């Protein structure tokens, strides 16, 4: 049985979380994860290009069969407009990969059982589900959110088994 790779993304302009999870039979493991940290002194265009280049590296290295991201949401007009520039790059880059999108409440519900779970509860559930060592440290909430997105597509698309 061949292992399937899944890419989860928590997209933002300044710190995009990403995670590659491997699925083989009933087993799910964290293959690699991190954040794409932007230099906030750079123009949006340069930040987006950097993000796109990192996406290319990840795709070339792991060749994921499934890609998912957390759905965007709006709070403030200017912040939302900026965020959706990053979403546009993701949309374009993964156009051939049937990018799937999940609302934050859906991700929380799949991972923890509650759509209103806290960041801490999501992290704890991920640690448990992926059997991460106690000393594993998430670089940021963006990274743990990306792992949760990857776990969600595995559960929603019934990739285990």
Protein backbone atom coordinates (compact mmCIF):
# COMPACT_ATOMS: atom_id res chain seq x y z
CA UNK A 1 0.00 0.00 0.00
CA UNK A 2 1.39 3.36 -1.08
CA UNK A 3 1.38 6.35 1.25
CA UNK A 4 -0.80 9.29 0.11
CA UNK A 5 0.36 12.84 0.87
CA UNK A 6 -2.03 15.63 1.82
CA UNK A 7 -1.15 19.34 2.05
CA UNK A 8 -2.96 21.55 4.57
CA UNK A 9 -2.66 25.34 4.40
CA UNK A 10 -3.52 28.20 6.75
CA UNK A 11 -3.03 31.10 4.34
CA UNK A 12 -2.15 34.65 5.35
CA UNK A 13 -0.08 37.49 3.98
CA UNK A 14 2.53 37.44 6.75
CA UNK A 15 2.74 33.87 8.11
CA UNK A 16 1.24 31.03 6.08
CA UNK A 17 1.16 27.70 7.86
CA UNK A 18 1.65 24.52 5.83
CA UNK A 19 1.67 20.83 6.69
CA UNK A 20 2.17 17.61 4.75
CA UNK A 21 0.48 14.58 6.26
CA UNK A 22 0.97 11.02 5.09
CA UNK A 23 -1.87 8.48 5.00
CA UNK A 24 -1.24 4.75 4.67
CA UNK A 25 -4.12 2.44 5.52
CA UNK A 26 -5.51 3.58 8.88
CA UNK A 27 -2.27 5.35 9.80
CA UNK A 28 -1.82 9.13 9.57
CA UNK A 29 1.50 10.81 10.26
CA UNK A 30 2.96 14.29 10.14
CA UNK A 31 5.56 14.24 7.37
CA UNK A 32 6.66 17.89 7.49
CA UNK A 33 5.27 21.29 8.42
CA UNK A 34 6.24 24.89 8.95
CA UNK A 35 5.42 28.48 8.26
CA UNK A 36 6.16 30.74 5.32
CA UNK A 37 7.20 33.90 7.13
CA UNK A 38 7.03 37.10 5.12
CA UNK A 39 9.28 40.10 5.41
CA UNK A 40 6.67 42.73 6.28
CA UNK A 41 8.94 45.44 4.90
CA UNK A 42 8.53 43.97 1.40
CA UNK A 43 5.73 44.86 -1.00
CA UNK A 44 2.70 42.60 -1.18
CA UNK A 45 3.87 41.44 -4.61
CA UNK A 46 7.26 40.28 -3.32
CA UNK A 47 5.66 38.55 -0.32
CA UNK A 48 3.20 36.75 -2.59
CA UNK A 49 5.97 35.66 -4.96
CA UNK A 50 7.94 34.28 -2.00
CA UNK A 51 4.85 32.36 -0.87
CA UNK A 52 4.32 30.97 -4.36
CA UNK A 53 7.98 29.87 -4.59
CA UNK A 54 7.66 28.02 -1.27
CA UNK A 55 4.46 26.32 -2.49
CA UNK A 56 6.43 25.16 -5.54
CA UNK A 57 9.20 23.69 -3.34
CA UNK A 58 6.66 21.84 -1.18
CA UNK A 59 4.79 20.44 -4.21
CA UNK A 60 7.99 19.33 -5.94
CA UNK A 61 9.31 17.64 -2.80
CA UNK A 62 6.15 15.86 -1.60
CA UNK A 63 3.77 15.73 -4.61
CA UNK A 64 0.60 15.79 -2.46
CA UNK A 65 -2.49 14.21 -3.98
CA UNK A 66 -4.89 16.41 -1.96
CA UNK A 67 -4.67 20.11 -1.00
CA UNK A 68 -6.91 21.98 1.43
CA UNK A 69 -6.94 25.40 3.08
CA UNK A 70 -8.87 27.13 5.80
CA UNK A 71 -11.59 29.38 4.38
CA UNK A 72 -11.04 33.10 4.70
CA UNK A 73 -13.21 35.30 6.83
CA UNK A 74 -13.70 39.03 7.08
CA UNK A 75 -13.37 41.33 10.01
CA UNK A 76 -12.02 44.59 8.64
CA UNK A 77 -12.19 45.64 5.02
CA UNK A 78 -8.50 46.53 4.56
CA UNK A 79 -7.21 43.39 6.31
CA UNK A 80 -9.65 41.24 4.33
CA UNK A 81 -8.58 42.77 1.02
CA UNK A 82 -4.92 42.07 1.88
CA UNK A 83 -5.67 38.50 2.99
CA UNK A 84 -7.51 37.71 -0.21
CA UNK A 85 -4.45 38.63 -2.26
CA UNK A 86 -2.76 35.65 -0.60
CA UNK A 87 -5.87 33.54 -1.24
CA UNK A 88 -5.68 34.50 -4.91
CA UNK A 89 -2.11 33.24 -5.19
CA UNK A 90 -3.14 29.99 -3.51
CA UNK A 91 -6.16 29.65 -5.79
CA UNK A 92 -4.05 30.19 -8.91
CA UNK A 93 -1.11 28.02 -7.84
CA UNK A 94 -3.25 25.03 -6.88
CA UNK A 95 -5.75 25.42 -9.77
CA UNK A 96 -4.94 21.94 -11.10
CA UNK A 97 -5.06 20.30 -7.66
CA UNK A 98 -8.78 20.68 -6.88
CA UNK A 99 -8.09 22.83 -3.84
CA UNK A 100 -10.65 22.15 -1.10
CA UNK A 101 -11.64 24.78 1.46
CA UNK A 102 -13.06 24.27 4.97
CA UNK A 103 -14.54 26.79 7.39
CA UNK A 104 -12.70 27.19 10.69
CA UNK A 105 -15.68 25.78 12.63
CA UNK A 106 -15.69 22.66 10.43
CA UNK A 107 -11.96 22.11 11.00
CA UNK A 108 -12.39 22.51 14.76
CA UNK A 109 -15.35 20.12 14.79
CA UNK A 110 -13.52 17.43 12.81
CA UNK A 111 -10.35 17.68 14.91
CA UNK A 112 -11.84 18.15 18.39
CA UNK A 113 -15.54 17.32 18.14
CA UNK A 114 -16.51 20.94 18.84
CA UNK A 115 -16.83 23.73 16.28
CA UNK A 116 -16.04 26.24 19.01
CA UNK A 117 -12.78 24.66 20.22
CA UNK A 118 -9.92 26.92 21.31
CA UNK A 119 -6.47 26.97 19.68
CA UNK A 120 -5.15 25.00 22.66
CA UNK A 121 -7.83 22.33 22.25
CA UNK A 122 -7.04 22.03 18.53
CA UNK A 123 -3.32 21.65 19.27
CA UNK A 124 -4.00 19.01 21.95
CA UNK A 125 -6.24 17.04 19.60
CA UNK A 126 -3.62 17.17 16.83
CA UNK A 127 -0.93 15.96 19.24
CA UNK A 128 -3.15 13.05 20.22
CA UNK A 129 -4.38 12.13 16.71
CA UNK A 130 -0.90 12.24 15.17
CA UNK A 131 0.87 10.81 18.22
CA UNK A 132 3.30 13.74 18.31
CA UNK A 133 6.02 13.59 20.97
CA UNK A 134 5.54 15.70 24.09
CA UNK A 135 8.51 17.87 23.16
CA UNK A 136 7.14 18.69 19.67
CA UNK A 137 6.71 22.45 19.42
CA UNK A 138 4.52 24.18 16.88
CA UNK A 139 6.27 27.19 15.35
CA UNK A 140 3.00 29.11 15.54
CA UNK A 141 -0.79 28.78 15.51
CA UNK A 142 -0.53 29.01 11.71
CA UNK A 143 1.43 25.74 11.62
CA UNK A 144 -0.92 23.89 13.98
CA UNK A 145 -3.93 25.23 12.03
CA UNK A 146 -2.41 23.93 8.77
CA UNK A 147 -1.95 20.49 10.35
CA UNK A 148 -5.60 20.59 11.44
CA UNK A 149 -6.64 21.50 7.87
CA UNK A 150 -4.67 18.53 6.53
CA UNK A 151 -6.27 16.24 9.10
CA UNK A 152 -9.71 17.56 8.12
CA UNK A 153 -9.35 16.68 4.45
CA UNK A 154 -8.21 13.19 5.44
CA UNK A 155 -11.33 12.70 7.56
CA UNK A 156 -13.78 14.45 5.22
CA UNK A 157 -12.54 12.68 2.09
CA UNK A 158 -12.29 9.34 3.96
CA UNK A 159 -8.70 8.80 2.86
CA UNK A 160 -7.94 6.33 5.64
CA UNK A 161 -8.43 2.66 5.12
